[in-house]
Amino acid sequence: MRGNRAEVDTPLPTVVAAAIAEDGTLFVATANQQLAQVASGTTQLVSLTWSTEWSGTVLPDGLAIAQSGSTALLVQSDTDGVWLRLFATDDVAHRRSLRLAGEPHGGVLALWPFAYYALDRTIRHVDLMSGLLETMTDVGAGAVPGAVVNG
C-alpha cells in the first residue's frame, strides 16, 4: 500500500506465478520452467538456476513464499504426479520435493509450517516439515485457499 511502481527490466514472457517475500523480493515463474527474482528496490530481473531434478509444468498461481520468508514453494505437474517444490529463497540449491494429492485449483497459500490448496471440493494442507497431507474440510465446488487464519 505504500510501495513504489517500476517496470522490470527484460521481463519473462508468459509468467504464470508470482510471489513476494517479506523483504520485498519478487519471485516469478513461467510454465516452461523459468524462475527469476527482482530484489526490492531494483528493476533488474535475475534468473535463478532451475533444478535438473524438477520436471513438468509450473501451475498457474503455483508460487508462494512461506511466512518465515526463507522458503519458497512452487507447484508443478508432470507425468509422475503433482509436486510441491520447496527451495531456500537465498539459495535455490537447497531444495526438496513433496508429492501432493492432486492438482490444486486456485493456487497455493503458505503459512509456515503448512501449505494450503484446494482439490476437488476440499481444502487440504501439506506439512512442509514432514510432507504429511491432510484433508481439512469439504467446502464445496470452486473453493480456493484465499485466506487462512490460525485459530
N, C-alpha and C. Protein backbone atom coordinates (compact mmCIF):
# COMPACT_ATOMS: atom_id res chain seq x y z
N MET A 1 0.82 -1.20 0.00
CA MET A 1 0.00 0.00 0.00
C MET A 1 0.86 1.25 0.00
N ARG A 2 2.11 1.14 0.43
CA ARG A 2 2.99 2.29 0.41
C ARG A 2 4.17 2.04 -0.52
N GLY A 3 4.02 1.09 -1.44
CA GLY A 3 5.12 0.71 -2.31
C GLY A 3 5.32 1.67 -3.47
N ASN A 4 6.31 1.35 -4.25
CA ASN A 4 6.61 2.12 -5.43
C ASN A 4 6.25 1.31 -6.66
N ARG A 5 6.12 1.99 -7.77
CA ARG A 5 5.80 1.34 -9.02
C ARG A 5 7.00 1.50 -9.95
N ALA A 6 7.39 0.39 -10.59
CA ALA A 6 8.51 0.44 -11.53
C ALA A 6 8.36 -0.71 -12.51
N GLU A 7 8.84 -0.52 -13.72
CA GLU A 7 8.82 -1.58 -14.71
C GLU A 7 10.08 -2.42 -14.54
N VAL A 8 9.91 -3.73 -14.66
CA VAL A 8 11.03 -4.66 -14.54
C VAL A 8 11.79 -4.69 -15.85
N ASP A 9 13.12 -4.62 -15.75
CA ASP A 9 13.96 -4.72 -16.94
C ASP A 9 13.87 -6.13 -17.51
N THR A 10 13.61 -6.25 -18.79
CA THR A 10 13.58 -7.52 -19.51
C THR A 10 12.72 -8.56 -18.79
N PRO A 11 11.42 -8.35 -18.70
CA PRO A 11 10.56 -9.31 -18.01
C PRO A 11 10.48 -10.65 -18.75
N LEU A 12 10.12 -11.70 -18.01
CA LEU A 12 9.92 -13.01 -18.61
C LEU A 12 8.59 -13.04 -19.34
N PRO A 13 8.53 -13.69 -20.50
CA PRO A 13 7.24 -13.85 -21.16
C PRO A 13 6.46 -14.97 -20.49
N THR A 14 5.18 -14.91 -20.54
CA THR A 14 4.26 -15.96 -20.06
C THR A 14 4.45 -16.33 -18.60
N VAL A 15 4.57 -15.35 -17.72
CA VAL A 15 4.64 -15.61 -16.28
C VAL A 15 3.29 -16.18 -15.84
N VAL A 16 3.33 -17.31 -15.10
CA VAL A 16 2.10 -17.93 -14.61
C VAL A 16 1.96 -17.83 -13.10
N ALA A 17 3.08 -17.48 -12.43
CA ALA A 17 3.03 -17.42 -10.97
C ALA A 17 4.00 -16.36 -10.46
N ALA A 18 3.60 -15.70 -9.38
CA ALA A 18 4.44 -14.68 -8.76
C ALA A 18 4.16 -14.66 -7.26
N ALA A 19 5.19 -14.34 -6.49
CA ALA A 19 5.04 -14.22 -5.04
C ALA A 19 6.09 -13.22 -4.55
N ILE A 20 5.77 -12.58 -3.43
CA ILE A 20 6.70 -11.59 -2.88
C ILE A 20 7.09 -12.00 -1.47
N ALA A 21 8.39 -11.92 -1.19
CA ALA A 21 8.91 -12.26 0.13
C ALA A 21 8.78 -11.06 1.08
N GLU A 22 8.97 -11.32 2.36
CA GLU A 22 8.84 -10.26 3.37
C GLU A 22 9.81 -9.12 3.13
N ASP A 23 10.98 -9.41 2.54
CA ASP A 23 11.96 -8.35 2.29
C ASP A 23 11.68 -7.57 1.00
N GLY A 24 10.58 -7.90 0.32
CA GLY A 24 10.18 -7.19 -0.89
C GLY A 24 10.68 -7.82 -2.18
N THR A 25 11.45 -8.90 -2.09
CA THR A 25 11.92 -9.58 -3.30
C THR A 25 10.74 -10.24 -4.00
N LEU A 26 10.64 -10.00 -5.30
CA LEU A 26 9.59 -10.59 -6.12
C LEU A 26 10.14 -11.81 -6.83
N PHE A 27 9.45 -12.93 -6.72
CA PHE A 27 9.80 -14.15 -7.43
C PHE A 27 8.75 -14.40 -8.50
N VAL A 28 9.17 -14.81 -9.69
CA VAL A 28 8.26 -15.11 -10.79
C VAL A 28 8.66 -16.44 -11.43
N ALA A 29 7.67 -17.13 -12.00
CA ALA A 29 7.93 -18.40 -12.68
C ALA A 29 7.07 -18.48 -13.93
N THR A 30 7.60 -19.15 -14.94
CA THR A 30 6.85 -19.41 -16.16
C THR A 30 6.45 -20.88 -16.19
N ALA A 31 5.47 -21.21 -17.00
CA ALA A 31 5.04 -22.60 -17.11
C ALA A 31 6.16 -23.50 -17.60
N ASN A 32 7.05 -22.95 -18.44
CA ASN A 32 8.10 -23.76 -19.04
C ASN A 32 9.41 -23.72 -18.26
N GLN A 33 9.33 -23.67 -16.95
CA GLN A 33 10.46 -23.85 -16.06
C GLN A 33 11.52 -22.74 -16.08
N GLN A 34 11.08 -21.53 -16.03
CA GLN A 34 11.99 -20.41 -15.82
C GLN A 34 11.61 -19.77 -14.50
N LEU A 35 12.61 -19.51 -13.69
CA LEU A 35 12.42 -18.92 -12.37
C LEU A 35 13.35 -17.72 -12.26
N ALA A 36 12.82 -16.62 -11.72
CA ALA A 36 13.64 -15.41 -11.60
C ALA A 36 13.18 -14.61 -10.39
N GLN A 37 14.01 -13.63 -10.02
CA GLN A 37 13.66 -12.76 -8.91
C GLN A 37 14.06 -11.33 -9.22
N VAL A 38 13.37 -10.41 -8.57
CA VAL A 38 13.69 -8.99 -8.63
C VAL A 38 13.83 -8.53 -7.19
N ALA A 39 15.04 -8.14 -6.80
CA ALA A 39 15.28 -7.69 -5.42
C ALA A 39 14.53 -6.39 -5.15
N SER A 40 14.14 -6.20 -3.93
CA SER A 40 13.44 -4.99 -3.53
C SER A 40 14.28 -3.76 -3.87
N GLY A 41 13.64 -2.75 -4.43
CA GLY A 41 14.31 -1.50 -4.75
C GLY A 41 15.07 -1.51 -6.07
N THR A 42 15.00 -2.63 -6.81
CA THR A 42 15.67 -2.70 -8.11
C THR A 42 14.66 -3.01 -9.20
N THR A 43 15.09 -2.94 -10.43
CA THR A 43 14.23 -3.31 -11.56
C THR A 43 14.88 -4.42 -12.37
N GLN A 44 15.99 -4.95 -11.89
CA GLN A 44 16.74 -5.97 -12.63
C GLN A 44 16.21 -7.36 -12.33
N LEU A 45 15.76 -8.06 -13.37
CA LEU A 45 15.30 -9.43 -13.26
C LEU A 45 16.52 -10.36 -13.31
N VAL A 46 16.68 -11.19 -12.29
CA VAL A 46 17.82 -12.11 -12.21
C VAL A 46 17.30 -13.54 -12.30
N SER A 47 17.76 -14.27 -13.31
CA SER A 47 17.35 -15.66 -13.48
C SER A 47 17.97 -16.52 -12.39
N LEU A 48 17.18 -17.48 -11.91
CA LEU A 48 17.65 -18.44 -10.92
C LEU A 48 17.84 -19.78 -11.62
N THR A 49 18.79 -20.55 -11.15
CA THR A 49 19.07 -21.85 -11.76
C THR A 49 17.92 -22.81 -11.49
N TRP A 50 17.40 -23.38 -12.56
CA TRP A 50 16.31 -24.37 -12.44
C TRP A 50 16.93 -25.73 -12.15
N SER A 51 16.43 -26.43 -11.17
CA SER A 51 16.96 -27.73 -10.82
C SER A 51 16.69 -28.75 -11.93
N THR A 52 17.71 -29.48 -12.33
CA THR A 52 17.54 -30.53 -13.35
C THR A 52 16.72 -31.70 -12.80
N GLU A 53 16.55 -31.75 -11.48
CA GLU A 53 15.73 -32.80 -10.85
C GLU A 53 14.24 -32.52 -10.99
N TRP A 54 13.89 -31.28 -11.30
CA TRP A 54 12.49 -30.90 -11.40
C TRP A 54 12.03 -30.99 -12.84
N SER A 55 10.89 -31.61 -13.06
CA SER A 55 10.31 -31.68 -14.40
C SER A 55 8.85 -31.29 -14.32
N GLY A 56 8.27 -31.04 -15.48
CA GLY A 56 6.85 -30.72 -15.51
C GLY A 56 6.58 -29.25 -15.74
N THR A 57 5.32 -28.92 -15.62
CA THR A 57 4.81 -27.59 -15.89
C THR A 57 4.46 -26.89 -14.58
N VAL A 58 4.89 -25.64 -14.44
CA VAL A 58 4.51 -24.84 -13.29
C VAL A 58 3.03 -24.48 -13.44
N LEU A 59 2.25 -24.71 -12.39
CA LEU A 59 0.82 -24.45 -12.45
C LEU A 59 0.52 -22.97 -12.18
N PRO A 60 -0.58 -22.47 -12.76
CA PRO A 60 -0.96 -21.07 -12.52
C PRO A 60 -1.11 -20.79 -11.02
N ASP A 61 -0.60 -19.67 -10.60
CA ASP A 61 -0.62 -19.25 -9.20
C ASP A 61 0.06 -20.26 -8.29
N GLY A 62 0.99 -21.03 -8.84
CA GLY A 62 1.65 -22.08 -8.10
C GLY A 62 2.96 -21.66 -7.47
N LEU A 63 3.04 -20.45 -6.96
CA LEU A 63 4.25 -19.97 -6.31
C LEU A 63 3.84 -19.22 -5.05
N ALA A 64 4.51 -19.51 -3.94
CA ALA A 64 4.21 -18.83 -2.68
C ALA A 64 5.49 -18.75 -1.86
N ILE A 65 5.52 -17.80 -0.94
CA ILE A 65 6.63 -17.66 -0.01
C ILE A 65 6.09 -17.97 1.37
N ALA A 66 6.76 -18.89 2.08
CA ALA A 66 6.32 -19.24 3.43
C ALA A 66 6.52 -18.06 4.37
N GLN A 67 5.75 -18.01 5.40
CA GLN A 67 5.75 -16.90 6.35
C GLN A 67 7.12 -16.59 6.91
N SER A 68 7.95 -17.61 7.05
CA SER A 68 9.30 -17.39 7.56
C SER A 68 10.12 -16.53 6.60
N GLY A 69 9.68 -16.46 5.34
CA GLY A 69 10.35 -15.63 4.34
C GLY A 69 11.56 -16.27 3.72
N SER A 70 11.97 -17.43 4.23
CA SER A 70 13.18 -18.05 3.70
C SER A 70 12.91 -19.28 2.84
N THR A 71 11.66 -19.66 2.69
CA THR A 71 11.31 -20.82 1.90
C THR A 71 10.26 -20.44 0.85
N ALA A 72 10.55 -20.80 -0.39
CA ALA A 72 9.59 -20.59 -1.48
C ALA A 72 9.00 -21.94 -1.87
N LEU A 73 7.76 -21.91 -2.35
CA LEU A 73 7.04 -23.10 -2.76
C LEU A 73 6.64 -22.95 -4.22
N LEU A 74 6.81 -23.98 -4.99
CA LEU A 74 6.49 -23.96 -6.40
C LEU A 74 5.71 -25.24 -6.71
N VAL A 75 4.56 -25.14 -7.38
CA VAL A 75 3.74 -26.31 -7.70
C VAL A 75 3.92 -26.67 -9.16
N GLN A 76 4.29 -27.94 -9.40
CA GLN A 76 4.50 -28.45 -10.75
C GLN A 76 3.71 -29.72 -10.96
N SER A 77 3.26 -29.91 -12.18
CA SER A 77 2.57 -31.13 -12.57
C SER A 77 3.38 -31.82 -13.66
N ASP A 78 3.60 -33.13 -13.51
CA ASP A 78 4.28 -33.89 -14.55
C ASP A 78 3.66 -35.28 -14.65
N THR A 79 4.24 -36.16 -15.42
CA THR A 79 3.66 -37.48 -15.64
C THR A 79 3.67 -38.34 -14.37
N ASP A 80 4.49 -37.99 -13.39
CA ASP A 80 4.56 -38.73 -12.12
C ASP A 80 3.60 -38.20 -11.06
N GLY A 81 2.91 -37.11 -11.33
CA GLY A 81 2.00 -36.54 -10.36
C GLY A 81 2.18 -35.05 -10.22
N VAL A 82 1.71 -34.53 -9.09
CA VAL A 82 1.80 -33.10 -8.79
C VAL A 82 2.75 -32.95 -7.61
N TRP A 83 3.66 -32.01 -7.74
CA TRP A 83 4.73 -31.84 -6.76
C TRP A 83 4.77 -30.42 -6.21
N LEU A 84 5.06 -30.34 -4.94
CA LEU A 84 5.35 -29.07 -4.29
C LEU A 84 6.86 -29.02 -4.16
N ARG A 85 7.48 -28.09 -4.88
CA ARG A 85 8.93 -27.93 -4.85
C ARG A 85 9.26 -26.84 -3.84
N LEU A 86 10.08 -27.14 -2.88
CA LEU A 86 10.49 -26.18 -1.87
C LEU A 86 11.94 -25.81 -2.12
N PHE A 87 12.24 -24.53 -2.01
CA PHE A 87 13.63 -24.09 -2.13
C PHE A 87 13.87 -22.88 -1.23
N ALA A 88 15.12 -22.76 -0.79
CA ALA A 88 15.50 -21.62 0.03
C ALA A 88 15.55 -20.38 -0.85
N THR A 89 14.96 -19.29 -0.39
CA THR A 89 14.91 -18.07 -1.20
C THR A 89 16.29 -17.47 -1.40
N ASP A 90 17.23 -17.79 -0.52
CA ASP A 90 18.58 -17.24 -0.67
C ASP A 90 19.57 -18.22 -1.31
N ASP A 91 19.09 -19.45 -1.60
CA ASP A 91 19.96 -20.45 -2.22
C ASP A 91 19.10 -21.56 -2.84
N VAL A 92 18.83 -21.46 -4.13
CA VAL A 92 17.95 -22.41 -4.81
C VAL A 92 18.50 -23.84 -4.74
N ALA A 93 19.79 -24.00 -4.49
CA ALA A 93 20.39 -25.33 -4.39
C ALA A 93 19.85 -26.10 -3.18
N HIS A 94 19.37 -25.40 -2.16
CA HIS A 94 18.75 -26.07 -1.01
C HIS A 94 17.28 -26.28 -1.33
N ARG A 95 16.95 -27.51 -1.73
CA ARG A 95 15.59 -27.77 -2.21
C ARG A 95 15.17 -29.19 -1.87
N ARG A 96 13.85 -29.41 -1.93
CA ARG A 96 13.28 -30.74 -1.81
C ARG A 96 11.90 -30.73 -2.44
N SER A 97 11.34 -31.91 -2.65
CA SER A 97 10.04 -32.04 -3.30
C SER A 97 9.10 -32.87 -2.44
N LEU A 98 7.83 -32.46 -2.42
CA LEU A 98 6.78 -33.19 -1.71
C LEU A 98 5.66 -33.46 -2.70
N ARG A 99 5.14 -34.69 -2.70
CA ARG A 99 4.04 -35.04 -3.61
C ARG A 99 2.71 -34.57 -3.00
N LEU A 100 1.89 -33.94 -3.85
CA LEU A 100 0.55 -33.52 -3.44
C LEU A 100 -0.47 -34.58 -3.84
N ALA A 101 -1.67 -34.49 -3.28
CA ALA A 101 -2.71 -35.49 -3.53
C ALA A 101 -3.39 -35.31 -4.89
N GLY A 102 -3.14 -34.21 -5.57
CA GLY A 102 -3.75 -33.93 -6.86
C GLY A 102 -3.43 -32.50 -7.25
N GLU A 103 -3.96 -32.10 -8.40
CA GLU A 103 -3.66 -30.77 -8.94
C GLU A 103 -4.52 -29.71 -8.28
N PRO A 104 -3.89 -28.77 -7.55
CA PRO A 104 -4.65 -27.71 -6.89
C PRO A 104 -5.32 -26.79 -7.91
N HIS A 105 -6.42 -26.21 -7.51
CA HIS A 105 -7.01 -25.13 -8.30
C HIS A 105 -7.06 -23.90 -7.42
N GLY A 106 -6.76 -22.76 -8.02
CA GLY A 106 -6.75 -21.51 -7.26
C GLY A 106 -5.44 -21.22 -6.58
N GLY A 107 -4.40 -21.94 -6.93
CA GLY A 107 -3.08 -21.64 -6.40
C GLY A 107 -2.77 -22.32 -5.09
N VAL A 108 -1.71 -21.85 -4.48
CA VAL A 108 -1.23 -22.39 -3.21
C VAL A 108 -0.99 -21.22 -2.27
N LEU A 109 -1.25 -21.44 -0.99
CA LEU A 109 -1.07 -20.41 0.04
C LEU A 109 -0.17 -21.00 1.11
N ALA A 110 0.85 -20.28 1.53
CA ALA A 110 1.78 -20.78 2.53
C ALA A 110 1.64 -20.00 3.82
N LEU A 111 1.55 -20.72 4.90
CA LEU A 111 1.54 -20.16 6.25
C LEU A 111 2.34 -21.16 7.08
N TRP A 112 3.61 -20.86 7.30
CA TRP A 112 4.54 -21.80 7.91
C TRP A 112 3.96 -22.42 9.16
N PRO A 113 4.00 -23.74 9.33
CA PRO A 113 4.73 -24.73 8.56
C PRO A 113 3.86 -25.50 7.57
N PHE A 114 2.80 -24.87 7.05
CA PHE A 114 1.90 -25.58 6.13
C PHE A 114 1.75 -24.83 4.81
N ALA A 115 1.39 -25.58 3.79
CA ALA A 115 0.95 -25.01 2.51
C ALA A 115 -0.48 -25.51 2.30
N TYR A 116 -1.35 -24.60 1.92
CA TYR A 116 -2.77 -24.91 1.75
C TYR A 116 -3.13 -24.86 0.28
N TYR A 117 -4.04 -25.75 -0.13
CA TYR A 117 -4.50 -25.76 -1.51
C TYR A 117 -5.88 -26.39 -1.59
N ALA A 118 -6.59 -26.07 -2.67
CA ALA A 118 -7.92 -26.62 -2.90
C ALA A 118 -7.81 -27.76 -3.90
N LEU A 119 -8.53 -28.83 -3.62
CA LEU A 119 -8.57 -30.00 -4.50
C LEU A 119 -9.99 -30.53 -4.48
N ASP A 120 -10.60 -30.61 -5.67
CA ASP A 120 -12.00 -31.01 -5.79
C ASP A 120 -12.86 -30.07 -4.94
N ARG A 121 -13.53 -30.60 -3.92
CA ARG A 121 -14.41 -29.81 -3.06
C ARG A 121 -13.79 -29.52 -1.70
N THR A 122 -12.49 -29.81 -1.55
CA THR A 122 -11.88 -29.74 -0.23
C THR A 122 -10.71 -28.76 -0.17
N ILE A 123 -10.42 -28.32 1.04
CA ILE A 123 -9.19 -27.58 1.32
C ILE A 123 -8.26 -28.57 2.01
N ARG A 124 -7.03 -28.60 1.54
CA ARG A 124 -6.04 -29.53 2.09
C ARG A 124 -4.80 -28.76 2.51
N HIS A 125 -4.01 -29.42 3.33
CA HIS A 125 -2.71 -28.83 3.64
C HIS A 125 -1.64 -29.90 3.68
N VAL A 126 -0.42 -29.45 3.40
CA VAL A 126 0.74 -30.32 3.48
C VAL A 126 1.68 -29.71 4.51
N ASP A 127 2.18 -30.55 5.41
CA ASP A 127 3.15 -30.12 6.41
C ASP A 127 4.49 -29.97 5.71
N LEU A 128 5.05 -28.78 5.69
CA LEU A 128 6.29 -28.51 4.96
C LEU A 128 7.51 -29.16 5.61
N MET A 129 7.38 -29.56 6.85
CA MET A 129 8.49 -30.23 7.53
C MET A 129 8.51 -31.72 7.24
N SER A 130 7.33 -32.36 7.30
CA SER A 130 7.26 -33.81 7.18
C SER A 130 6.72 -34.31 5.84
N GLY A 131 5.99 -33.45 5.13
CA GLY A 131 5.36 -33.87 3.88
C GLY A 131 4.00 -34.53 4.07
N LEU A 132 3.53 -34.65 5.30
CA LEU A 132 2.23 -35.28 5.55
C LEU A 132 1.11 -34.42 4.98
N LEU A 133 0.12 -35.09 4.38
CA LEU A 133 -1.03 -34.42 3.78
C LEU A 133 -2.26 -34.61 4.65
N GLU A 134 -3.12 -33.60 4.68
CA GLU A 134 -4.37 -33.72 5.43
C GLU A 134 -5.48 -33.01 4.67
N THR A 135 -6.65 -33.67 4.62
CA THR A 135 -7.84 -33.03 4.11
C THR A 135 -8.50 -32.32 5.28
N MET A 136 -8.66 -31.02 5.17
CA MET A 136 -9.18 -30.25 6.29
C MET A 136 -10.70 -30.25 6.34
N THR A 137 -11.34 -29.90 5.22
CA THR A 137 -12.79 -29.79 5.23
C THR A 137 -13.34 -29.77 3.82
N ASP A 138 -14.57 -30.20 3.66
CA ASP A 138 -15.28 -30.10 2.40
C ASP A 138 -15.97 -28.74 2.40
N VAL A 139 -15.58 -27.89 1.44
CA VAL A 139 -16.14 -26.54 1.40
C VAL A 139 -17.00 -26.28 0.18
N GLY A 140 -17.08 -27.27 -0.70
CA GLY A 140 -17.92 -27.12 -1.88
C GLY A 140 -17.12 -26.83 -3.13
N ALA A 141 -17.80 -26.93 -4.25
CA ALA A 141 -17.15 -26.75 -5.56
C ALA A 141 -16.63 -25.32 -5.71
N GLY A 142 -15.48 -25.22 -6.37
CA GLY A 142 -14.92 -23.91 -6.68
C GLY A 142 -14.17 -23.24 -5.56
N ALA A 143 -13.89 -23.95 -4.48
CA ALA A 143 -13.18 -23.36 -3.35
C ALA A 143 -11.74 -23.06 -3.73
N VAL A 144 -11.20 -22.00 -3.17
CA VAL A 144 -9.78 -21.64 -3.35
C VAL A 144 -9.24 -21.24 -1.98
N PRO A 145 -7.93 -21.41 -1.77
CA PRO A 145 -7.36 -21.07 -0.46
C PRO A 145 -7.04 -19.58 -0.37
N GLY A 146 -8.03 -18.74 -0.33
CA GLY A 146 -7.83 -17.30 -0.36
C GLY A 146 -7.40 -16.71 0.96
N ALA A 147 -7.75 -17.33 2.07
CA ALA A 147 -7.36 -16.80 3.38
C ALA A 147 -7.34 -17.95 4.36
N VAL A 148 -6.33 -17.97 5.18
CA VAL A 148 -6.21 -18.97 6.24
C VAL A 148 -5.86 -18.22 7.51
N VAL A 149 -6.50 -18.59 8.60
CA VAL A 149 -6.28 -17.91 9.87
C VAL A 149 -5.89 -18.95 10.90
N ASN A 150 -4.84 -18.67 11.66
CA ASN A 150 -4.52 -19.53 12.80
C ASN A 150 -5.58 -19.30 13.87
N GLY A 151 -6.21 -20.38 14.30
CA GLY A 151 -7.29 -20.22 15.27
C GLY A 151 -7.00 -20.82 16.60
